[in-house]
Each structure stands twice: as C-alpha cells, then as structure tokens.
PDB file of N, CA and C in Angstrom:
ATOM      1  N   UNK A   1     136.355 -80.780  57.311  1.00  0.00           N
ATOM      2  CA  UNK A   1     137.435 -81.061  58.239  1.00  0.00           C
ATOM      3  C   UNK A   1     137.212 -80.280  59.527  1.00  0.00           C
ATOM      4  N   UNK A   2     137.697 -80.861  60.616  1.00  0.00           N
ATOM      5  CA  UNK A   2     137.735 -80.197  61.919  1.00  0.00           C
ATOM      6  C   UNK A   2     139.178 -80.250  62.406  1.00  0.00           C
ATOM      7  N   UNK A   3     139.490 -79.384  63.333  1.00  0.00           N
ATOM      8  CA  UNK A   3     140.852 -79.275  63.832  1.00  0.00           C
ATOM      9  C   UNK A   3     140.807 -79.339  65.355  1.00  0.00           C
ATOM     10  N   UNK A   4     141.304 -80.448  65.898  1.00  0.00           N
ATOM     11  CA  UNK A   4     141.285 -80.652  67.343  1.00  0.00           C
ATOM     12  C   UNK A   4     142.577 -80.121  67.936  1.00  0.00           C
ATOM     13  N   UNK A   5     142.445 -79.191  68.867  1.00  0.00           N
ATOM     14  CA  UNK A   5     143.589 -78.490  69.457  1.00  0.00           C
ATOM     15  C   UNK A   5     143.867 -79.039  70.856  1.00  0.00           C
ATOM     16  N   UNK A   6     145.081 -79.534  71.053  1.00  0.00           N
ATOM     17  CA  UNK A   6     145.480 -80.168  72.307  1.00  0.00           C
ATOM     18  C   UNK A   6     146.620 -79.411  72.971  1.00  0.00           C
ATOM     19  N   UNK A   7     146.641 -79.480  74.309  1.00  0.00           N
ATOM     20  CA  UNK A   7     147.691 -78.845  75.089  1.00  0.00           C
ATOM     21  C   UNK A   7     148.052 -79.743  76.263  1.00  0.00           C
ATOM     22  N   UNK A   8     149.345 -79.823  76.526  1.00  0.00           N
ATOM     23  CA  UNK A   8     149.840 -80.469  77.746  1.00  0.00           C
ATOM     24  C   UNK A   8     150.938 -79.598  78.302  1.00  0.00           C
ATOM     25  N   UNK A   9     150.918 -79.403  79.609  1.00  0.00           N
ATOM     26  CA  UNK A   9     151.951 -78.647  80.308  1.00  0.00           C
ATOM     27  C   UNK A   9     152.352 -79.478  81.515  1.00  0.00           C
ATOM     28  N   UNK A  10     153.638 -79.821  81.593  1.00  0.00           N
ATOM     29  CA  UNK A  10     154.087 -80.654  82.700  1.00  0.00           C
ATOM     30  C   UNK A  10     155.594 -80.672  82.788  1.00  0.00           C
ATOM     31  N   UNK A  11     156.112 -81.693  83.453  1.00  0.00           N
ATOM     32  CA  UNK A  11     157.551 -81.821  83.655  1.00  0.00           C
ATOM     33  C   UNK A  11     158.269 -82.255  82.385  1.00  0.00           C
ATOM     34  N   UNK A  12     159.415 -81.647  82.143  1.00  0.00           N
ATOM     35  CA  UNK A  12     160.231 -82.006  80.985  1.00  0.00           C
ATOM     36  C   UNK A  12     160.609 -83.484  81.018  1.00  0.00           C
ATOM     37  N   UNK A  13     160.869 -84.015  82.194  1.00  0.00           N
ATOM     38  CA  UNK A  13     161.263 -85.422  82.319  1.00  0.00           C
ATOM     39  C   UNK A  13     160.186 -86.367  81.781  1.00  0.00           C
ATOM     40  N   UNK A  14     158.928 -85.986  81.897  1.00  0.00           N
ATOM     41  CA  UNK A  14     157.844 -86.806  81.364  1.00  0.00           C
ATOM     42  C   UNK A  14     157.855 -86.783  79.845  1.00  0.00           C
ATOM     43  N   UNK A  15     158.008 -85.594  79.273  1.00  0.00           N
ATOM     44  CA  UNK A  15     157.922 -85.425  77.821  1.00  0.00           C
ATOM     45  C   UNK A  15     159.183 -85.850  77.085  1.00  0.00           C
ATOM     46  N   UNK A  16     160.351 -85.768  77.757  1.00  0.00           N
ATOM     47  CA  UNK A  16     161.600 -86.027  77.052  1.00  0.00           C
ATOM     48  C   UNK A  16     162.538 -86.981  77.795  1.00  0.00           C
ATOM     49  N   UNK A  17     162.173 -87.411  78.972  1.00  0.00           N
ATOM     50  CA  UNK A  17     163.070 -88.227  79.780  1.00  0.00           C
ATOM     51  C   UNK A  17     163.122 -89.685  79.359  1.00  0.00           C
ATOM     52  N   UNK A  18     163.902 -90.480  80.083  1.00  0.00           N
ATOM     53  CA  UNK A  18     164.093 -91.886  79.732  1.00  0.00           C
ATOM     54  C   UNK A  18     162.826 -92.731  79.848  1.00  0.00           C
ATOM     55  N   UNK A  19     161.848 -92.296  80.623  1.00  0.00           N
ATOM     56  CA  UNK A  19     160.596 -93.044  80.769  1.00  0.00           C
ATOM     57  C   UNK A  19     159.509 -92.529  79.837  1.00  0.00           C
ATOM     58  N   UNK A  20     159.880 -91.678  78.884  1.00  0.00           N
ATOM     59  CA  UNK A  20     158.900 -91.063  77.982  1.00  0.00           C
ATOM     60  C   UNK A  20     158.014 -92.086  77.298  1.00  0.00           C
ATOM     61  N   UNK A  21     158.603 -93.120  76.702  1.00  0.00           N
ATOM     62  CA  UNK A  21     157.798 -94.094  75.965  1.00  0.00           C
ATOM     63  C   UNK A  21     156.782 -94.784  76.859  1.00  0.00           C
ATOM     64  N   UNK A  22     157.158 -95.053  78.098  1.00  0.00           N
ATOM     65  CA  UNK A  22     156.241 -95.694  79.034  1.00  0.00           C
ATOM     66  C   UNK A  22     155.153 -94.723  79.466  1.00  0.00           C
ATOM     67  N   UNK A  23     155.543 -93.523  79.887  1.00  0.00           N
ATOM     68  CA  UNK A  23     154.580 -92.543  80.381  1.00  0.00           C
ATOM     69  C   UNK A  23     153.662 -92.020  79.279  1.00  0.00           C
ATOM     70  N   UNK A  24     154.244 -91.733  78.144  1.00  0.00           N
ATOM     71  CA  UNK A  24     153.471 -91.123  77.050  1.00  0.00           C
ATOM     72  C   UNK A  24     152.812 -92.161  76.154  1.00  0.00           C
ATOM     73  N   UNK A  25     153.331 -93.373  76.176  1.00  0.00           N
ATOM     74  CA  UNK A  25     152.761 -94.430  75.354  1.00  0.00           C
ATOM     75  C   UNK A  25     151.462 -94.974  75.902  1.00  0.00           C
ATOM     76  N   UNK A  26     151.202 -94.745  77.181  1.00  0.00           N
ATOM     77  CA  UNK A  26     149.946 -95.176  77.809  1.00  0.00           C
ATOM     78  C   UNK A  26     148.861 -94.182  77.393  1.00  0.00           C
ATOM     79  N   UNK A  27     147.970 -94.617  76.528  1.00  0.00           N
ATOM     80  CA  UNK A  27     146.968 -93.713  75.971  1.00  0.00           C
ATOM     81  C   UNK A  27     145.920 -93.262  76.981  1.00  0.00           C
ATOM     82  N   UNK A  28     145.864 -93.925  78.136  1.00  0.00           N
ATOM     83  CA  UNK A  28     144.896 -93.518  79.159  1.00  0.00           C
ATOM     84  C   UNK A  28     145.429 -92.386  80.033  1.00  0.00           C
ATOM     85  N   UNK A  29     146.731 -92.112  79.929  1.00  0.00           N
ATOM     86  CA  UNK A  29     147.341 -91.061  80.758  1.00  0.00           C
ATOM     87  C   UNK A  29     147.303 -89.707  80.051  1.00  0.00           C
ATOM     88  N   UNK A  30     147.102 -88.665  80.834  1.00  0.00           N
ATOM     89  CA  UNK A  30     147.077 -87.298  80.294  1.00  0.00           C
ATOM     90  C   UNK A  30     148.508 -86.781  80.141  1.00  0.00           C
ATOM     91  N   UNK A  31     149.218 -87.376  79.184  1.00  0.00           N
ATOM     92  CA  UNK A  31     150.583 -86.999  78.831  1.00  0.00           C
ATOM     93  C   UNK A  31     150.647 -86.892  77.312  1.00  0.00           C
ATOM     94  N   UNK A  32     151.616 -86.148  76.773  1.00  0.00           N
ATOM     95  CA  UNK A  32     151.686 -86.058  75.307  1.00  0.00           C
ATOM     96  C   UNK A  32     152.019 -87.436  74.737  1.00  0.00           C
ATOM     97  N   UNK A  33     151.372 -87.825  73.663  1.00  0.00           N
ATOM     98  CA  UNK A  33     151.601 -89.165  73.114  1.00  0.00           C
ATOM     99  C   UNK A  33     152.933 -89.272  72.370  1.00  0.00           C
ATOM    100  N   UNK A  34     153.352 -90.500  72.155  1.00  0.00           N
ATOM    101  CA  UNK A  34     154.568 -90.759  71.381  1.00  0.00           C
ATOM    102  C   UNK A  34     154.299 -90.463  69.904  1.00  0.00           C
ATOM    103  N   UNK A  35     153.157 -90.890  69.404  1.00  0.00           N
ATOM    104  CA  UNK A  35     152.777 -90.668  68.004  1.00  0.00           C
ATOM    105  C   UNK A  35     151.772 -89.517  67.915  1.00  0.00           C
ATOM    106  N   UNK A  36     151.984 -88.613  67.008  1.00  0.00           N
ATOM    107  CA  UNK A  36     151.131 -87.420  66.883  1.00  0.00           C
ATOM    108  C   UNK A  36     149.658 -87.778  66.777  1.00  0.00           C
ATOM    109  N   UNK A  37     149.307 -88.748  65.956  1.00  0.00           N
ATOM    110  CA  UNK A  37     147.903 -89.117  65.747  1.00  0.00           C
ATOM    111  C   UNK A  37     147.232 -89.606  67.028  1.00  0.00           C
ATOM    112  N   UNK A  38     148.040 -90.073  67.986  1.00  0.00           N
ATOM    113  CA  UNK A  38     147.477 -90.610  69.225  1.00  0.00           C
ATOM    114  C   UNK A  38     146.929 -89.536  70.156  1.00  0.00           C
ATOM    115  N   UNK A  39     147.110 -88.258  69.833  1.00  0.00           N
ATOM    116  CA  UNK A  39     146.439 -87.228  70.626  1.00  0.00           C
ATOM    117  C   UNK A  39     144.937 -87.505  70.652  1.00  0.00           C
ATOM    118  N   UNK A  40     144.396 -87.997  69.562  1.00  0.00           N
ATOM    119  CA  UNK A  40     142.955 -88.278  69.486  1.00  0.00           C
ATOM    120  C   UNK A  40     142.526 -89.377  70.451  1.00  0.00           C
ATOM    121  N   UNK A  41     143.459 -90.199  70.882  1.00  0.00           N
ATOM    122  CA  UNK A  41     143.152 -91.329  71.760  1.00  0.00           C
ATOM    123  C   UNK A  41     143.461 -91.029  73.229  1.00  0.00           C
ATOM    124  N   UNK A  42     143.969 -89.856  73.504  1.00  0.00           N
ATOM    125  CA  UNK A  42     144.286 -89.447  74.861  1.00  0.00           C
ATOM    126  C   UNK A  42     143.006 -88.962  75.566  1.00  0.00           C
ATOM    127  N   UNK A  43     143.052 -88.772  76.896  1.00  0.00           N
ATOM    128  CA  UNK A  43     141.852 -88.307  77.614  1.00  0.00           C
ATOM    129  C   UNK A  43     141.295 -87.005  77.031  1.00  0.00           C
ATOM    130  N   UNK A  44     139.986 -86.932  76.983  1.00  0.00           N
ATOM    131  CA  UNK A  44     139.304 -85.759  76.423  1.00  0.00           C
ATOM    132  C   UNK A  44     139.660 -84.466  77.149  1.00  0.00           C
ATOM    133  N   UNK A  45     140.124 -84.562  78.390  1.00  0.00           N
ATOM    134  CA  UNK A  45     140.498 -83.369  79.147  1.00  0.00           C
ATOM    135  C   UNK A  45     141.658 -82.622  78.496  1.00  0.00           C
ATOM    136  N   UNK A  46     142.393 -83.278  77.617  1.00  0.00           N
ATOM    137  CA  UNK A  46     143.525 -82.650  76.940  1.00  0.00           C
ATOM    138  C   UNK A  46     143.087 -81.841  75.719  1.00  0.00           C
ATOM    139  N   UNK A  47     141.880 -82.098  75.239  1.00  0.00           N
ATOM    140  CA  UNK A  47     141.342 -81.365  74.095  1.00  0.00           C
ATOM    141  C   UNK A  47     140.910 -79.981  74.569  1.00  0.00           C
ATOM    142  N   UNK A  48     141.530 -78.949  74.029  1.00  0.00           N
ATOM    143  CA  UNK A  48     141.248 -77.588  74.482  1.00  0.00           C
ATOM    144  C   UNK A  48     140.288 -76.840  73.570  1.00  0.00           C
ATOM    145  N   UNK A  49     140.240 -77.220  72.306  1.00  0.00           N
ATOM    146  CA  UNK A  49     139.351 -76.535  71.372  1.00  0.00           C
ATOM    147  C   UNK A  49     139.117 -77.411  70.163  1.00  0.00           C
ATOM    148  N   UNK A  50     137.927 -77.293  69.596  1.00  0.00           N
ATOM    149  CA  UNK A  50     137.626 -77.876  68.292  1.00  0.00           C
ATOM    150  C   UNK A  50     137.413 -76.697  67.356  1.00  0.00           C
ATOM    151  N   UNK A  51     138.342 -76.530  66.449  1.00  0.00           N
ATOM    152  CA  UNK A  51     138.266 -75.424  65.498  1.00  0.00           C
ATOM    153  C   UNK A  51     137.628 -75.922  64.207  1.00  0.00           C
ATOM    154  N   UNK A  52     136.897 -75.056  63.550  1.00  0.00           N
ATOM    155  CA  UNK A  52     136.254 -75.451  62.301  1.00  0.00           C
ATOM    156  C   UNK A  52     137.047 -75.034  61.069  1.00  0.00           C
ATOM    157  N   UNK A  53     138.070 -74.188  61.266  1.00  0.00           N
ATOM    158  CA  UNK A  53     138.905 -73.770  60.144  1.00  0.00           C
ATOM    159  C   UNK A  53     140.378 -73.806  60.564  1.00  0.00           C
ATOM    160  N   UNK A  54     141.280 -73.927  59.591  1.00  0.00           N
ATOM    161  CA  UNK A  54     142.707 -73.863  59.916  1.00  0.00           C
ATOM    162  C   UNK A  54     143.081 -72.528  60.563  1.00  0.00           C
ATOM    163  N   UNK A  55     142.466 -71.450  60.124  1.00  0.00           N
ATOM    164  CA  UNK A  55     142.754 -70.125  60.670  1.00  0.00           C
ATOM    165  C   UNK A  55     142.393 -70.051  62.157  1.00  0.00           C
ATOM    166  N   UNK A  56     141.265 -70.632  62.511  1.00  0.00           N
ATOM    167  CA  UNK A  56     140.843 -70.651  63.916  1.00  0.00           C
ATOM    168  C   UNK A  56     141.837 -71.454  64.760  1.00  0.00           C
ATOM    169  N   UNK A  57     142.309 -72.576  64.225  1.00  0.00           N
ATOM    170  CA  UNK A  57     143.290 -73.396  64.945  1.00  0.00           C
ATOM    171  C   UNK A  57     144.614 -72.645  65.116  1.00  0.00           C
ATOM    172  N   UNK A  58     145.044 -71.931  64.082  1.00  0.00           N
ATOM    173  CA  UNK A  58     146.290 -71.166  64.175  1.00  0.00           C
ATOM    174  C   UNK A  58     146.131 -70.001  65.155  1.00  0.00           C
ATOM    175  N   UNK A  59     144.971 -69.403  65.199  1.00  0.00           N
ATOM    176  CA  UNK A  59     144.728 -68.345  66.192  1.00  0.00           C
ATOM    177  C   UNK A  59     144.869 -68.905  67.605  1.00  0.00           C
ATOM    178  N   UNK A  60     144.340 -70.105  67.833  1.00  0.00           N
ATOM    179  CA  UNK A  60     144.486 -70.758  69.135  1.00  0.00           C
ATOM    180  C   UNK A  60     145.964 -71.000  69.447  1.00  0.00           C
ATOM    181  N   UNK A  61     146.704 -71.518  68.465  1.00  0.00           N
ATOM    182  CA  UNK A  61     148.139 -71.734  68.671  1.00  0.00           C
ATOM    183  C   UNK A  61     148.832 -70.437  69.074  1.00  0.00           C
ATOM    184  N   UNK A  62     148.507 -69.360  68.395  1.00  0.00           N
ATOM    185  CA  UNK A  62     149.108 -68.067  68.702  1.00  0.00           C
ATOM    186  C   UNK A  62     148.786 -67.603  70.109  1.00  0.00           C
ATOM    187  N   UNK A  63     147.553 -67.770  70.530  1.00  0.00           N
ATOM    188  CA  UNK A  63     147.149 -67.385  71.886  1.00  0.00           C
ATOM    189  C   UNK A  63     147.931 -68.168  72.934  1.00  0.00           C
ATOM    190  N   UNK A  64     148.003 -69.478  72.764  1.00  0.00           N
ATOM    191  CA  UNK A  64     148.696 -70.328  73.740  1.00  0.00           C
ATOM    192  C   UNK A  64     150.196 -70.042  73.720  1.00  0.00           C
ATOM    193  N   UNK A  65     150.770 -69.896  72.532  1.00  0.00           N
ATOM    194  CA  UNK A  65     152.190 -69.568  72.414  1.00  0.00           C
ATOM    195  C   UNK A  65     152.491 -68.269  73.165  1.00  0.00           C
ATOM    196  N   UNK A  66     151.668 -67.260  72.948  1.00  0.00           N
ATOM    197  CA  UNK A  66     151.885 -65.968  73.610  1.00  0.00           C
ATOM    198  C   UNK A  66     151.746 -66.076  75.126  1.00  0.00           C
ATOM    199  N   UNK A  67     150.819 -66.890  75.600  1.00  0.00           N
ATOM    200  CA  UNK A  67     150.626 -67.072  77.046  1.00  0.00           C
ATOM    201  C   UNK A  67     151.859 -67.680  77.710  1.00  0.00           C
ATOM    202  N   UNK A  68     152.593 -68.512  76.980  1.00  0.00           N
ATOM    203  CA  UNK A  68     153.750 -69.208  77.554  1.00  0.00           C
ATOM    204  C   UNK A  68     155.098 -68.635  77.116  1.00  0.00           C
ATOM    205  N   UNK A  69     155.108 -67.640  76.251  1.00  0.00           N
ATOM    206  CA  UNK A  69     156.350 -67.104  75.685  1.00  0.00           C
ATOM    207  C   UNK A  69     157.319 -66.600  76.750  1.00  0.00           C
ATOM    208  N   UNK A  70     156.804 -66.012  77.811  1.00  0.00           N
ATOM    209  CA  UNK A  70     157.699 -65.484  78.851  1.00  0.00           C
ATOM    210  C   UNK A  70     158.449 -66.595  79.590  1.00  0.00           C
ATOM    211  N   UNK A  71     157.967 -67.817  79.474  1.00  0.00           N
ATOM    212  CA  UNK A  71     158.632 -68.954  80.133  1.00  0.00           C
ATOM    213  C   UNK A  71     159.580 -69.688  79.179  1.00  0.00           C
ATOM    214  N   UNK A  72     159.655 -69.229  77.929  1.00  0.00           N
ATOM    215  CA  UNK A  72     160.537 -69.829  76.929  1.00  0.00           C
ATOM    216  C   UNK A  72     161.847 -69.059  76.871  1.00  0.00           C
ATOM    217  N   UNK A  73     162.868 -69.700  76.332  1.00  0.00           N
ATOM    218  CA  UNK A  73     164.110 -68.970  76.113  1.00  0.00           C
ATOM    219  C   UNK A  73     163.877 -67.948  74.995  1.00  0.00           C
ATOM    220  N   UNK A  74     164.692 -66.918  75.004  1.00  0.00           N
ATOM    221  CA  UNK A  74     164.564 -65.870  73.988  1.00  0.00           C
ATOM    222  C   UNK A  74     164.649 -66.458  72.576  1.00  0.00           C
ATOM    223  N   UNK A  75     165.558 -67.407  72.374  1.00  0.00           N
ATOM    224  CA  UNK A  75     165.736 -67.976  71.028  1.00  0.00           C
ATOM    225  C   UNK A  75     164.520 -68.793  70.593  1.00  0.00           C
ATOM    226  N   UNK A  76     163.796 -69.398  71.533  1.00  0.00           N
ATOM    227  CA  UNK A  76     162.591 -70.135  71.155  1.00  0.00           C
ATOM    228  C   UNK A  76     161.517 -69.190  70.641  1.00  0.00           C
ATOM    229  N   UNK A  77     161.448 -68.025  71.249  1.00  0.00           N
ATOM    230  CA  UNK A  77     160.418 -67.054  70.871  1.00  0.00           C
ATOM    231  C   UNK A  77     160.797 -66.329  69.590  1.00  0.00           C
ATOM    232  N   UNK A  78     162.083 -65.969  69.456  1.00  0.00           N
ATOM    233  CA  UNK A  78     162.500 -65.129  68.336  1.00  0.00           C
ATOM    234  C   UNK A  78     163.284 -65.873  67.259  1.00  0.00           C
ATOM    235  N   UNK A  79     163.661 -67.122  67.497  1.00  0.00           N
ATOM    236  CA  UNK A  79     164.483 -67.875  66.543  1.00  0.00           C
ATOM    237  C   UNK A  79     163.799 -68.108  65.203  1.00  0.00           C
ATOM    238  N   UNK A  80     162.494 -68.157  65.233  1.00  0.00           N
ATOM    239  CA  UNK A  80     161.699 -68.268  63.999  1.00  0.00           C
ATOM    240  C   UNK A  80     160.766 -67.063  63.993  1.00  0.00           C
ATOM    241  N   UNK A  81     160.808 -66.331  62.903  1.00  0.00           N
ATOM    242  CA  UNK A  81     159.930 -65.161  62.824  1.00  0.00           C
ATOM    243  C   UNK A  81     158.482 -65.600  62.987  1.00  0.00           C
ATOM    244  N   UNK A  82     157.719 -64.808  63.716  1.00  0.00           N
ATOM    245  CA  UNK A  82     156.324 -65.149  64.012  1.00  0.00           C
ATOM    246  C   UNK A  82     155.530 -65.450  62.742  1.00  0.00           C
ATOM    247  N   UNK A  83     155.700 -64.607  61.724  1.00  0.00           N
ATOM    248  CA  UNK A  83     154.934 -64.828  60.491  1.00  0.00           C
ATOM    249  C   UNK A  83     155.338 -66.131  59.810  1.00  0.00           C
ATOM    250  N   UNK A  84     156.594 -66.541  59.948  1.00  0.00           N
ATOM    251  CA  UNK A  84     157.027 -67.814  59.380  1.00  0.00           C
ATOM    252  C   UNK A  84     156.473 -68.985  60.187  1.00  0.00           C
ATOM    253  N   UNK A  85     156.561 -68.883  61.523  1.00  0.00           N
ATOM    254  CA  UNK A  85     156.085 -69.959  62.395  1.00  0.00           C
ATOM    255  C   UNK A  85     154.600 -70.240  62.156  1.00  0.00           C
ATOM    256  N   UNK A  86     153.796 -69.188  62.232  1.00  0.00           N
ATOM    257  CA  UNK A  86     152.354 -69.385  62.133  1.00  0.00           C
ATOM    258  C   UNK A  86     151.877 -69.486  60.688  1.00  0.00           C
ATOM    259  N   UNK A  87     152.614 -68.892  59.766  1.00  0.00           N
ATOM    260  CA  UNK A  87     152.298 -69.064  58.341  1.00  0.00           C
ATOM    261  C   UNK A  87     152.519 -70.498  57.903  1.00  0.00           C
ATOM    262  N   UNK A  88     153.600 -71.097  58.364  1.00  0.00           N
ATOM    263  CA  UNK A  88     153.884 -72.495  58.059  1.00  0.00           C
ATOM    264  C   UNK A  88     152.822 -73.410  58.680  1.00  0.00           C
ATOM    265  N   UNK A  89     152.424 -73.090  59.907  1.00  0.00           N
ATOM    266  CA  UNK A  89     151.378 -73.877  60.567  1.00  0.00           C
ATOM    267  C   UNK A  89     150.080 -73.815  59.773  1.00  0.00           C
ATOM    268  N   UNK A  90     149.724 -72.645  59.313  1.00  0.00           N
ATOM    269  CA  UNK A  90     148.498 -72.483  58.533  1.00  0.00           C
ATOM    270  C   UNK A  90     148.581 -73.281  57.229  1.00  0.00           C
ATOM    271  N   UNK A  91     149.698 -73.199  56.552  1.00  0.00           N
ATOM    272  CA  UNK A  91     149.880 -73.946  55.305  1.00  0.00           C
ATOM    273  C   UNK A  91     149.744 -75.450  55.540  1.00  0.00           C
ATOM    274  N   UNK A  92     150.377 -75.946  56.598  1.00  0.00           N
ATOM    275  CA  UNK A  92     150.287 -77.378  56.918  1.00  0.00           C
ATOM    276  C   UNK A  92     148.853 -77.797  57.205  1.00  0.00           C
ATOM    277  N   UNK A  93     148.157 -77.024  58.014  1.00  0.00           N
ATOM    278  CA  UNK A  93     146.784 -77.386  58.362  1.00  0.00           C
ATOM    279  C   UNK A  93     145.856 -77.298  57.154  1.00  0.00           C
ATOM    280  N   UNK A  94     146.057 -76.296  56.312  1.00  0.00           N
ATOM    281  CA  UNK A  94     145.249 -76.183  55.095  1.00  0.00           C
ATOM    282  C   UNK A  94     145.450 -77.380  54.177  1.00  0.00           C
ATOM    283  N   UNK A  95     146.652 -77.962  54.225  1.00  0.00           N
ATOM    284  CA  UNK A  95     146.956 -79.136  53.405  1.00  0.00           C
ATOM    285  C   UNK A  95     146.471 -80.432  54.055  1.00  0.00           C
ATOM    286  N   UNK A  96     145.915 -80.322  55.264  1.00  0.00           N
ATOM    287  CA  UNK A  96     145.402 -81.503  55.947  1.00  0.00           C
ATOM    288  C   UNK A  96     146.437 -82.241  56.779  1.00  0.00           C
ATOM    289  N   UNK A  97     147.563 -81.573  57.060  1.00  0.00           N
ATOM    290  CA  UNK A  97     148.624 -82.194  57.865  1.00  0.00           C
ATOM    291  C   UNK A  97     148.448 -81.857  59.340  1.00  0.00           C
ATOM    292  N   UNK A  98     148.676 -82.854  60.201  1.00  0.00           N
ATOM    293  CA  UNK A  98     148.672 -82.634  61.644  1.00  0.00           C
ATOM    294  C   UNK A  98     149.878 -81.795  62.024  1.00  0.00           C
ATOM    295  N   UNK A  99     149.785 -81.165  63.186  1.00  0.00           N
ATOM    296  CA  UNK A  99     150.861 -80.309  63.662  1.00  0.00           C
ATOM    297  C   UNK A  99     151.146 -80.641  65.120  1.00  0.00           C
ATOM    298  N   UNK A 100     152.417 -80.728  65.472  1.00  0.00           N
ATOM    299  CA  UNK A 100     152.813 -80.991  66.851  1.00  0.00           C
ATOM    300  C   UNK A 100     154.039 -80.153  67.183  1.00  0.00           C
ATOM    301  N   UNK A 101     153.932 -79.341  68.244  1.00  0.00           N
ATOM    302  CA  UNK A 101     155.031 -78.488  68.687  1.00  0.00           C
ATOM    303  C   UNK A 101     155.354 -78.813  70.134  1.00  0.00           C
ATOM    304  N   UNK A 102     156.623 -78.686  70.501  1.00  0.00           N
ATOM    305  CA  UNK A 102     157.028 -78.870  71.884  1.00  0.00           C
ATOM    306  C   UNK A 102     158.047 -77.829  72.276  1.00  0.00           C
ATOM    307  N   UNK A 103     157.924 -77.307  73.496  1.00  0.00           N
ATOM    308  CA  UNK A 103     158.806 -76.253  73.978  1.00  0.00           C
ATOM    309  C   UNK A 103     159.236 -76.530  75.414  1.00  0.00           C
ATOM    310  N   UNK A 104     160.534 -76.708  75.653  1.00  0.00           N
ATOM    311  CA  UNK A 104     161.007 -76.727  77.040  1.00  0.00           C
ATOM    312  C   UNK A 104     160.801 -75.336  77.637  1.00  0.00           C
ATOM    313  N   UNK A 105     160.366 -75.284  78.879  1.00  0.00           N
ATOM    314  CA  UNK A 105     160.126 -74.025  79.567  1.00  0.00           C
ATOM    315  C   UNK A 105     161.030 -73.930  80.793  1.00  0.00           C
ATOM    316  N   UNK A 106     161.133 -72.734  81.350  1.00  0.00           N
ATOM    317  CA  UNK A 106     161.940 -72.559  82.558  1.00  0.00           C
ATOM    318  C   UNK A 106     161.361 -73.417  83.677  1.00  0.00           C
ATOM    319  N   UNK A 107     162.216 -73.769  84.617  1.00  0.00           N
ATOM    320  CA  UNK A 107     161.769 -74.547  85.761  1.00  0.00           C
ATOM    321  C   UNK A 107     161.516 -76.010  85.451  1.00  0.00           C
ATOM    322  N   UNK A 108     162.223 -76.558  84.470  1.00  0.00           N
ATOM    323  CA  UNK A 108     162.080 -77.969  84.096  1.00  0.00           C
ATOM    324  C   UNK A 108     160.657 -78.333  83.682  1.00  0.00           C
ATOM    325  N   UNK A 109     159.981 -77.401  83.058  1.00  0.00           N
ATOM    326  CA  UNK A 109     158.625 -77.641  82.557  1.00  0.00           C
ATOM    327  C   UNK A 109     158.659 -77.763  81.039  1.00  0.00           C
ATOM    328  N   UNK A 110     157.572 -78.273  80.483  1.00  0.00           N
ATOM    329  CA  UNK A 110     157.494 -78.522  79.047  1.00  0.00           C
ATOM    330  C   UNK A 110     156.076 -78.204  78.584  1.00  0.00           C
ATOM    331  N   UNK A 111     155.973 -77.640  77.401  1.00  0.00           N
ATOM    332  CA  UNK A 111     154.676 -77.330  76.777  1.00  0.00           C
ATOM    333  C   UNK A 111     154.577 -78.116  75.473  1.00  0.00           C
ATOM    334  N   UNK A 112     153.529 -78.907  75.357  1.00  0.00           N
ATOM    335  CA  UNK A 112     153.261 -79.636  74.115  1.00  0.00           C
ATOM    336  C   UNK A 112     151.952 -79.150  73.546  1.00  0.00           C
ATOM    337  N   UNK A 113     151.961 -78.787  72.273  1.00  0.00           N
ATOM    338  CA  UNK A 113     150.780 -78.319  71.564  1.00  0.00           C
ATOM    339  C   UNK A 113     150.600 -79.171  70.322  1.00  0.00           C
ATOM    340  N   UNK A 114     149.370 -79.461  69.989  1.00  0.00           N
ATOM    341  CA  UNK A 114     149.101 -80.221  68.764  1.00  0.00           C
ATOM    342  C   UNK A 114     147.764 -79.792  68.177  1.00  0.00           C
ATOM    343  N   UNK A 115     147.709 -79.811  66.867  1.00  0.00           N
ATOM    344  CA  UNK A 115     146.449 -79.642  66.156  1.00  0.00           C
ATOM    345  C   UNK A 115     146.337 -80.860  65.241  1.00  0.00           C
ATOM    346  N   UNK A 116     145.285 -81.622  65.453  1.00  0.00           N
ATOM    347  CA  UNK A 116     145.067 -82.848  64.696  1.00  0.00           C
ATOM    348  C   UNK A 116     143.890 -82.622  63.742  1.00  0.00           C
ATOM    349  N   UNK A 117     144.106 -82.915  62.478  1.00  0.00           N
ATOM    350  CA  UNK A 117     143.089 -82.740  61.454  1.00  0.00           C
ATOM    351  C   UNK A 117     142.188 -83.982  61.467  1.00  0.00           C
ATOM    352  N   UNK A 118     140.887 -83.737  61.607  1.00  0.00           N
ATOM    353  CA  UNK A 118     139.915 -84.816  61.641  1.00  0.00           C
ATOM    354  C   UNK A 118     139.014 -84.661  60.425  1.00  0.00           C
ATOM    355  N   UNK A 119     138.995 -85.703  59.630  1.00  0.00           N
ATOM    356  CA  UNK A 119     138.197 -85.656  58.396  1.00  0.00           C
ATOM    357  C   UNK A 119     136.866 -86.333  58.590  1.00  0.00           C
TER     358      UNK A 119
END
C-alpha cells in the first residue's frame, strides 16, 4: 500500500459555499473534491507527499496541522486531544481507510487535508 497525501488551502466559500458542487466537482480544478476518492483524480499539483507507511502519512498530517494551528480556532486545535486525533488517523490508515479532514481558518480561509490509500 501507498498513502497519497493531499492539501488544499483556499477560500471557505469554495470548500463549503453554495457553488461547492460545481467548483469542487470539476476534477480538473485544483479544489478539494466532493468525493474523498476523487482526490486521486485531481491535478497532481495537489499531491504533497507519497508516504510508504501509515506512520509516515500521519507524521505529514501532524506537520501540516501544526503549521496551520495558529489560524484555527482554539476549539479546533484542543477540542480533540492530539493523541486521539492522530491515533485515530493511524488506526484508520492501517485498516486501509481513506482519511479526509477540513478546517475553517481565520480570514475566511479553509484547509483541506486528505490521505488516500492506494493499493
């Protein structure tokens, strides 16, 4: 198995607004997809890392989460204990399940992260 790590950072209106299905449903656009599996069909520029183990993918998630934590609300950062958040992610990836997270950020921005399991 391989673990493809994706990131999108943009306007909240794109990721959650009324035009989401149109903007995100177009697989040629560098926007988070409507369906999790469609990350694989989005532009390659959105692929940030190919991890060879679930642990490597979770380490990437932790790095990106930490880089953007100051732009998140306090409850987004602390509402789920870190060991629970990343422990659950590791368990899911070890089981072969895809992972998709989204976080509204200050300034009407949005962060979308995904790890897609490729067999």
